[in-house]
Amino acid sequence: MPASADLTTLVDKAYQDKTLTEIVDAPVSALAGVSDGDAKLLKEAFGITTVGDLGRNPYFHTANALVALTGAK
C-alpha cells in the first residue's frame, strides 16, 4: 500500500499534487520557504539542484545527526 502524507505545508502549491518521486526530482525551490535565490546559492555552494540532492547531501546529514544526538528541536 503506497504511503500518503499531507504535503501542503512542506512544498509550494504547484507541487502539492505531485508524487513523492516527482517532488524528490523537483527543483529545491519546490520546498516551501526556499526561494529561487536560495536555490541558486545552494547550487553554487553545494551543487544542490533538486530536493533529492538536498536530502542526500552529506553536510546536511551530519548537521541533522548532530542535532538529533543533542535532543534539540
PDB file of N, CA and C in Angstrom:
ATOM      1  N   MET A   1       0.841  -1.176   0.000  1.00  0.00           N
ATOM      2  CA  MET A   1       0.000   0.000   0.000  1.00  0.00           C
ATOM      3  C   MET A   1       0.888   1.242   0.000  1.00  0.00           C
ATOM      4  N   PRO A   2       0.680   2.180  -0.941  1.00  0.00           N
ATOM      5  CA  PRO A   2       1.509   3.377  -1.000  1.00  0.00           C
ATOM      6  C   PRO A   2       1.305   4.258   0.227  1.00  0.00           C
ATOM      7  N   ALA A   3       2.376   4.922   0.603  1.00  0.00           N
ATOM      8  CA  ALA A   3       2.293   5.866   1.720  1.00  0.00           C
ATOM      9  C   ALA A   3       1.704   7.171   1.219  1.00  0.00           C
ATOM     10  N   SER A   4       1.005   7.857   2.094  1.00  0.00           N
ATOM     11  CA  SER A   4       0.480   9.169   1.729  1.00  0.00           C
ATOM     12  C   SER A   4       0.773  10.131   2.864  1.00  0.00           C
ATOM     13  N   ALA A   5       0.849  11.395   2.513  1.00  0.00           N
ATOM     14  CA  ALA A   5       1.142  12.421   3.508  1.00  0.00           C
ATOM     15  C   ALA A   5       0.541  13.734   3.042  1.00  0.00           C
ATOM     16  N   ASP A   6       0.245  14.592   3.985  1.00  0.00           N
ATOM     17  CA  ASP A   6      -0.233  15.930   3.663  1.00  0.00           C
ATOM     18  C   ASP A   6       0.989  16.817   3.474  1.00  0.00           C
ATOM     19  N   LEU A   7       1.268  17.161   2.237  1.00  0.00           N
ATOM     20  CA  LEU A   7       2.465  17.926   1.914  1.00  0.00           C
ATOM     21  C   LEU A   7       2.198  19.415   1.749  1.00  0.00           C
ATOM     22  N   THR A   8       0.987  19.850   2.040  1.00  0.00           N
ATOM     23  CA  THR A   8       0.608  21.231   1.741  1.00  0.00           C
ATOM     24  C   THR A   8       1.481  22.263   2.441  1.00  0.00           C
ATOM     25  N   THR A   9       1.997  21.959   3.609  1.00  0.00           N
ATOM     26  CA  THR A   9       2.843  22.936   4.299  1.00  0.00           C
ATOM     27  C   THR A   9       4.322  22.735   3.990  1.00  0.00           C
ATOM     28  N   LEU A  10       4.647  21.678   3.274  1.00  0.00           N
ATOM     29  CA  LEU A  10       6.048  21.357   3.012  1.00  0.00           C
ATOM     30  C   LEU A  10       6.537  21.784   1.640  1.00  0.00           C
ATOM     31  N   VAL A  11       5.625  21.872   0.683  1.00  0.00           N
ATOM     32  CA  VAL A  11       6.017  22.215  -0.684  1.00  0.00           C
ATOM     33  C   VAL A  11       5.138  23.343  -1.213  1.00  0.00           C
ATOM     34  N   ASP A  12       5.648  24.005  -2.247  1.00  0.00           N
ATOM     35  CA  ASP A  12       4.876  25.063  -2.890  1.00  0.00           C
ATOM     36  C   ASP A  12       3.619  24.487  -3.530  1.00  0.00           C
ATOM     37  N   LYS A  13       2.642  25.344  -3.728  1.00  0.00           N
ATOM     38  CA  LYS A  13       1.336  24.928  -4.245  1.00  0.00           C
ATOM     39  C   LYS A  13       1.444  24.128  -5.545  1.00  0.00           C
ATOM     40  N   ALA A  14       2.345  24.505  -6.416  1.00  0.00           N
ATOM     41  CA  ALA A  14       2.496  23.822  -7.705  1.00  0.00           C
ATOM     42  C   ALA A  14       2.919  22.365  -7.560  1.00  0.00           C
ATOM     43  N   TYR A  15       3.424  21.991  -6.401  1.00  0.00           N
ATOM     44  CA  TYR A  15       3.925  20.630  -6.187  1.00  0.00           C
ATOM     45  C   TYR A  15       3.061  19.814  -5.232  1.00  0.00           C
ATOM     46  N   GLN A  16       1.990  20.384  -4.734  1.00  0.00           N
ATOM     47  CA  GLN A  16       1.171  19.709  -3.730  1.00  0.00           C
ATOM     48  C   GLN A  16       0.451  18.470  -4.251  1.00  0.00           C
ATOM     49  N   ASP A  17       0.230  18.382  -5.537  1.00  0.00           N
ATOM     50  CA  ASP A  17      -0.442  17.217  -6.113  1.00  0.00           C
ATOM     51  C   ASP A  17       0.528  16.237  -6.765  1.00  0.00           C
ATOM     52  N   LYS A  18       1.811  16.466  -6.610  1.00  0.00           N
ATOM     53  CA  LYS A  18       2.827  15.608  -7.225  1.00  0.00           C
ATOM     54  C   LYS A  18       3.083  14.380  -6.357  1.00  0.00           C
ATOM     55  N   THR A  19       3.628  13.355  -6.975  1.00  0.00           N
ATOM     56  CA  THR A  19       4.030  12.169  -6.220  1.00  0.00           C
ATOM     57  C   THR A  19       5.308  12.487  -5.450  1.00  0.00           C
ATOM     58  N   LEU A  20       5.621  11.651  -4.476  1.00  0.00           N
ATOM     59  CA  LEU A  20       6.861  11.851  -3.721  1.00  0.00           C
ATOM     60  C   LEU A  20       8.076  11.793  -4.639  1.00  0.00           C
ATOM     61  N   THR A  21       8.054  10.888  -5.611  1.00  0.00           N
ATOM     62  CA  THR A  21       9.166  10.785  -6.561  1.00  0.00           C
ATOM     63  C   THR A  21       9.313  12.066  -7.366  1.00  0.00           C
ATOM     64  N   GLU A  22       8.192  12.629  -7.802  1.00  0.00           N
ATOM     65  CA  GLU A  22       8.244  13.881  -8.555  1.00  0.00           C
ATOM     66  C   GLU A  22       8.779  15.015  -7.687  1.00  0.00           C
ATOM     67  N   ILE A  23       8.416  15.031  -6.420  1.00  0.00           N
ATOM     68  CA  ILE A  23       8.906  16.075  -5.517  1.00  0.00           C
ATOM     69  C   ILE A  23      10.402  15.911  -5.284  1.00  0.00           C
ATOM     70  N   VAL A  24      10.858  14.693  -5.083  1.00  0.00           N
ATOM     71  CA  VAL A  24      12.290  14.448  -4.875  1.00  0.00           C
ATOM     72  C   VAL A  24      13.091  14.881  -6.103  1.00  0.00           C
ATOM     73  N   ASP A  25      12.522  14.730  -7.289  1.00  0.00           N
ATOM     74  CA  ASP A  25      13.188  15.121  -8.529  1.00  0.00           C
ATOM     75  C   ASP A  25      12.993  16.598  -8.877  1.00  0.00           C
ATOM     76  N   ALA A  26      12.166  17.302  -8.119  1.00  0.00           N
ATOM     77  CA  ALA A  26      11.849  18.705  -8.396  1.00  0.00           C
ATOM     78  C   ALA A  26      12.989  19.622  -7.950  1.00  0.00           C
ATOM     79  N   PRO A  27      13.014  20.832  -8.495  1.00  0.00           N
ATOM     80  CA  PRO A  27      13.998  21.811  -8.027  1.00  0.00           C
ATOM     81  C   PRO A  27      13.839  22.049  -6.529  1.00  0.00           C
ATOM     82  N   VAL A  28      14.943  22.335  -5.869  1.00  0.00           N
ATOM     83  CA  VAL A  28      14.906  22.547  -4.423  1.00  0.00           C
ATOM     84  C   VAL A  28      13.968  23.700  -4.055  1.00  0.00           C
ATOM     85  N   SER A  29      13.739  24.614  -4.973  1.00  0.00           N
ATOM     86  CA  SER A  29      12.817  25.727  -4.719  1.00  0.00           C
ATOM     87  C   SER A  29      11.368  25.268  -4.624  1.00  0.00           C
ATOM     88  N   ALA A  30      11.096  23.993  -4.902  1.00  0.00           N
ATOM     89  CA  ALA A  30       9.746  23.447  -4.718  1.00  0.00           C
ATOM     90  C   ALA A  30       9.386  23.346  -3.240  1.00  0.00           C
ATOM     91  N   LEU A  31      10.384  23.339  -2.372  1.00  0.00           N
ATOM     92  CA  LEU A  31      10.132  23.283  -0.932  1.00  0.00           C
ATOM     93  C   LEU A  31       9.602  24.620  -0.441  1.00  0.00           C
ATOM     94  N   ALA A  32       8.601  24.579   0.396  1.00  0.00           N
ATOM     95  CA  ALA A  32       8.035  25.807   0.955  1.00  0.00           C
ATOM     96  C   ALA A  32       9.128  26.566   1.696  1.00  0.00           C
ATOM     97  N   GLY A  33       9.250  27.840   1.397  1.00  0.00           N
ATOM     98  CA  GLY A  33      10.222  28.686   2.075  1.00  0.00           C
ATOM     99  C   GLY A  33      11.577  28.763   1.407  1.00  0.00           C
ATOM    100  N   VAL A  34      11.802  27.982   0.356  1.00  0.00           N
ATOM    101  CA  VAL A  34      13.072  28.038  -0.372  1.00  0.00           C
ATOM    102  C   VAL A  34      12.835  28.824  -1.658  1.00  0.00           C
ATOM    103  N   SER A  35      13.438  29.988  -1.734  1.00  0.00           N
ATOM    104  CA  SER A  35      13.244  30.851  -2.901  1.00  0.00           C
ATOM    105  C   SER A  35      14.164  30.430  -4.045  1.00  0.00           C
ATOM    106  N   ASP A  36      13.929  31.004  -5.214  1.00  0.00           N
ATOM    107  CA  ASP A  36      14.818  30.756  -6.347  1.00  0.00           C
ATOM    108  C   ASP A  36      16.229  31.239  -6.017  1.00  0.00           C
ATOM    109  N   GLY A  37      16.324  32.349  -5.285  1.00  0.00           N
ATOM    110  CA  GLY A  37      17.630  32.859  -4.863  1.00  0.00           C
ATOM    111  C   GLY A  37      18.334  31.899  -3.917  1.00  0.00           C
ATOM    112  N   ASP A  38      17.581  31.334  -2.985  1.00  0.00           N
ATOM    113  CA  ASP A  38      18.143  30.328  -2.072  1.00  0.00           C
ATOM    114  C   ASP A  38      18.642  29.123  -2.870  1.00  0.00           C
ATOM    115  N   ALA A  39      17.837  28.701  -3.838  1.00  0.00           N
ATOM    116  CA  ALA A  39      18.194  27.545  -4.662  1.00  0.00           C
ATOM    117  C   ALA A  39      19.489  27.814  -5.426  1.00  0.00           C
ATOM    118  N   LYS A  40      19.638  29.028  -5.914  1.00  0.00           N
ATOM    119  CA  LYS A  40      20.860  29.397  -6.638  1.00  0.00           C
ATOM    120  C   LYS A  40      22.075  29.294  -5.723  1.00  0.00           C
ATOM    121  N   LEU A  41      21.931  29.779  -4.501  1.00  0.00           N
ATOM    122  CA  LEU A  41      23.042  29.717  -3.546  1.00  0.00           C
ATOM    123  C   LEU A  41      23.378  28.278  -3.162  1.00  0.00           C
ATOM    124  N   LEU A  42      22.366  27.438  -2.990  1.00  0.00           N
ATOM    125  CA  LEU A  42      22.611  26.024  -2.686  1.00  0.00           C
ATOM    126  C   LEU A  42      23.350  25.337  -3.832  1.00  0.00           C
ATOM    127  N   LYS A  43      22.990  25.700  -5.061  1.00  0.00           N
ATOM    128  CA  LYS A  43      23.670  25.128  -6.224  1.00  0.00           C
ATOM    129  C   LYS A  43      25.126  25.568  -6.260  1.00  0.00           C
ATOM    130  N   GLU A  44      25.355  26.864  -6.034  1.00  0.00           N
ATOM    131  CA  GLU A  44      26.718  27.392  -6.073  1.00  0.00           C
ATOM    132  C   GLU A  44      27.582  26.808  -4.958  1.00  0.00           C
ATOM    133  N   ALA A  45      27.027  26.689  -3.770  1.00  0.00           N
ATOM    134  CA  ALA A  45      27.811  26.246  -2.613  1.00  0.00           C
ATOM    135  C   ALA A  45      28.001  24.733  -2.556  1.00  0.00           C
ATOM    136  N   PHE A  46      26.958  23.980  -2.890  1.00  0.00           N
ATOM    137  CA  PHE A  46      26.987  22.536  -2.663  1.00  0.00           C
ATOM    138  C   PHE A  46      26.620  21.690  -3.883  1.00  0.00           C
ATOM    139  N   GLY A  47      26.308  22.316  -5.009  1.00  0.00           N
ATOM    140  CA  GLY A  47      25.897  21.562  -6.189  1.00  0.00           C
ATOM    141  C   GLY A  47      24.508  20.963  -6.066  1.00  0.00           C
ATOM    142  N   ILE A  48      23.695  21.527  -5.173  1.00  0.00           N
ATOM    143  CA  ILE A  48      22.342  21.022  -4.930  1.00  0.00           C
ATOM    144  C   ILE A  48      21.381  21.675  -5.915  1.00  0.00           C
ATOM    145  N   THR A  49      20.679  20.845  -6.701  1.00  0.00           N
ATOM    146  CA  THR A  49      19.694  21.388  -7.639  1.00  0.00           C
ATOM    147  C   THR A  49      18.296  20.825  -7.418  1.00  0.00           C
ATOM    148  N   THR A  50      18.193  19.661  -6.782  1.00  0.00           N
ATOM    149  CA  THR A  50      16.880  19.048  -6.569  1.00  0.00           C
ATOM    150  C   THR A  50      16.631  18.813  -5.080  1.00  0.00           C
ATOM    151  N   VAL A  51      15.380  18.534  -4.760  1.00  0.00           N
ATOM    152  CA  VAL A  51      15.020  18.188  -3.383  1.00  0.00           C
ATOM    153  C   VAL A  51      15.806  16.947  -2.957  1.00  0.00           C
ATOM    154  N   GLY A  52      15.954  16.005  -3.856  1.00  0.00           N
ATOM    155  CA  GLY A  52      16.718  14.792  -3.562  1.00  0.00           C
ATOM    156  C   GLY A  52      18.179  15.083  -3.265  1.00  0.00           C
ATOM    157  N   ASP A  53      18.772  15.988  -4.046  1.00  0.00           N
ATOM    158  CA  ASP A  53      20.160  16.380  -3.782  1.00  0.00           C
ATOM    159  C   ASP A  53      20.297  16.933  -2.366  1.00  0.00           C
ATOM    160  N   LEU A  54      19.349  17.757  -1.968  1.00  0.00           N
ATOM    161  CA  LEU A  54      19.378  18.343  -0.627  1.00  0.00           C
ATOM    162  C   LEU A  54      19.262  17.254   0.432  1.00  0.00           C
ATOM    163  N   GLY A  55      18.345  16.329   0.223  1.00  0.00           N
ATOM    164  CA  GLY A  55      18.131  15.261   1.190  1.00  0.00           C
ATOM    165  C   GLY A  55      19.290  14.289   1.306  1.00  0.00           C
ATOM    166  N   ARG A  56      20.069  14.167   0.241  1.00  0.00           N
ATOM    167  CA  ARG A  56      21.205  13.243   0.244  1.00  0.00           C
ATOM    168  C   ARG A  56      22.532  13.922   0.566  1.00  0.00           C
ATOM    169  N   ASN A  57      22.529  15.224   0.751  1.00  0.00           N
ATOM    170  CA  ASN A  57      23.770  15.956   0.974  1.00  0.00           C
ATOM    171  C   ASN A  57      24.421  15.545   2.296  1.00  0.00           C
ATOM    172  N   PRO A  58      25.689  15.133   2.254  1.00  0.00           N
ATOM    173  CA  PRO A  58      26.338  14.650   3.478  1.00  0.00           C
ATOM    174  C   PRO A  58      26.476  15.715   4.559  1.00  0.00           C
ATOM    175  N   TYR A  59      26.634  16.970   4.191  1.00  0.00           N
ATOM    176  CA  TYR A  59      26.749  18.030   5.200  1.00  0.00           C
ATOM    177  C   TYR A  59      25.439  18.200   5.960  1.00  0.00           C
ATOM    178  N   PHE A  60      24.335  18.124   5.242  1.00  0.00           N
ATOM    179  CA  PHE A  60      23.033  18.248   5.888  1.00  0.00           C
ATOM    180  C   PHE A  60      22.730  17.007   6.733  1.00  0.00           C
ATOM    181  N   HIS A  61      23.181  15.842   6.263  1.00  0.00           N
ATOM    182  CA  HIS A  61      23.021  14.616   7.062  1.00  0.00           C
ATOM    183  C   HIS A  61      23.781  14.744   8.382  1.00  0.00           C
ATOM    184  N   THR A  62      25.009  15.241   8.303  1.00  0.00           N
ATOM    185  CA  THR A  62      25.826  15.399   9.507  1.00  0.00           C
ATOM    186  C   THR A  62      25.185  16.377  10.475  1.00  0.00           C
ATOM    187  N   ALA A  63      24.751  17.520   9.970  1.00  0.00           N
ATOM    188  CA  ALA A  63      24.116  18.520  10.834  1.00  0.00           C
ATOM    189  C   ALA A  63      22.853  17.958  11.472  1.00  0.00           C
ATOM    190  N   ASN A  64      22.050  17.251  10.702  1.00  0.00           N
ATOM    191  CA  ASN A  64      20.819  16.655  11.225  1.00  0.00           C
ATOM    192  C   ASN A  64      21.129  15.627  12.310  1.00  0.00           C
ATOM    193  N   ALA A  65      22.152  14.815  12.086  1.00  0.00           N
ATOM    194  CA  ALA A  65      22.531  13.806  13.079  1.00  0.00           C
ATOM    195  C   ALA A  65      23.003  14.460  14.374  1.00  0.00           C
ATOM    196  N   LEU A  66      23.789  15.516  14.259  1.00  0.00           N
ATOM    197  CA  LEU A  66      24.276  16.210  15.453  1.00  0.00           C
ATOM    198  C   LEU A  66      23.126  16.810  16.251  1.00  0.00           C
ATOM    199  N   VAL A  67      22.183  17.409  15.555  1.00  0.00           N
ATOM    200  CA  VAL A  67      21.012  17.975  16.234  1.00  0.00           C
ATOM    201  C   VAL A  67      20.220  16.865  16.914  1.00  0.00           C
ATOM    202  N   ALA A  68      20.024  15.756  16.221  1.00  0.00           N
ATOM    203  CA  ALA A  68      19.274  14.635  16.797  1.00  0.00           C
ATOM    204  C   ALA A  68      19.971  14.082  18.038  1.00  0.00           C
ATOM    205  N   LEU A  69      21.287  14.008  17.995  1.00  0.00           N
ATOM    206  CA  LEU A  69      22.037  13.480  19.135  1.00  0.00           C
ATOM    207  C   LEU A  69      21.938  14.374  20.369  1.00  0.00           C
ATOM    208  N   THR A  70      21.782  15.667  20.147  1.00  0.00           N
ATOM    209  CA  THR A  70      21.661  16.578  21.290  1.00  0.00           C
ATOM    210  C   THR A  70      20.246  16.614  21.833  1.00  0.00           C
ATOM    211  N   GLY A  71      19.314  16.049  21.080  1.00  0.00           N
ATOM    212  CA  GLY A  71      17.918  16.085  21.502  1.00  0.00           C
ATOM    213  C   GLY A  71      17.282  17.440  21.272  1.00  0.00           C
ATOM    214  N   ALA A  72      17.980  18.312  20.547  1.00  0.00           N
ATOM    215  CA  ALA A  72      17.458  19.654  20.273  1.00  0.00           C
ATOM    216  C   ALA A  72      16.320  19.589  19.267  1.00  0.00           C
ATOM    217  N   LYS A  73      15.459  20.595  19.348  1.00  0.00           N
ATOM    218  CA  LYS A  73      14.341  20.679  18.403  1.00  0.00           C
ATOM    219  C   LYS A  73      14.628  21.693  17.339  1.00  0.00           C
TER     220      LYS A  73
END
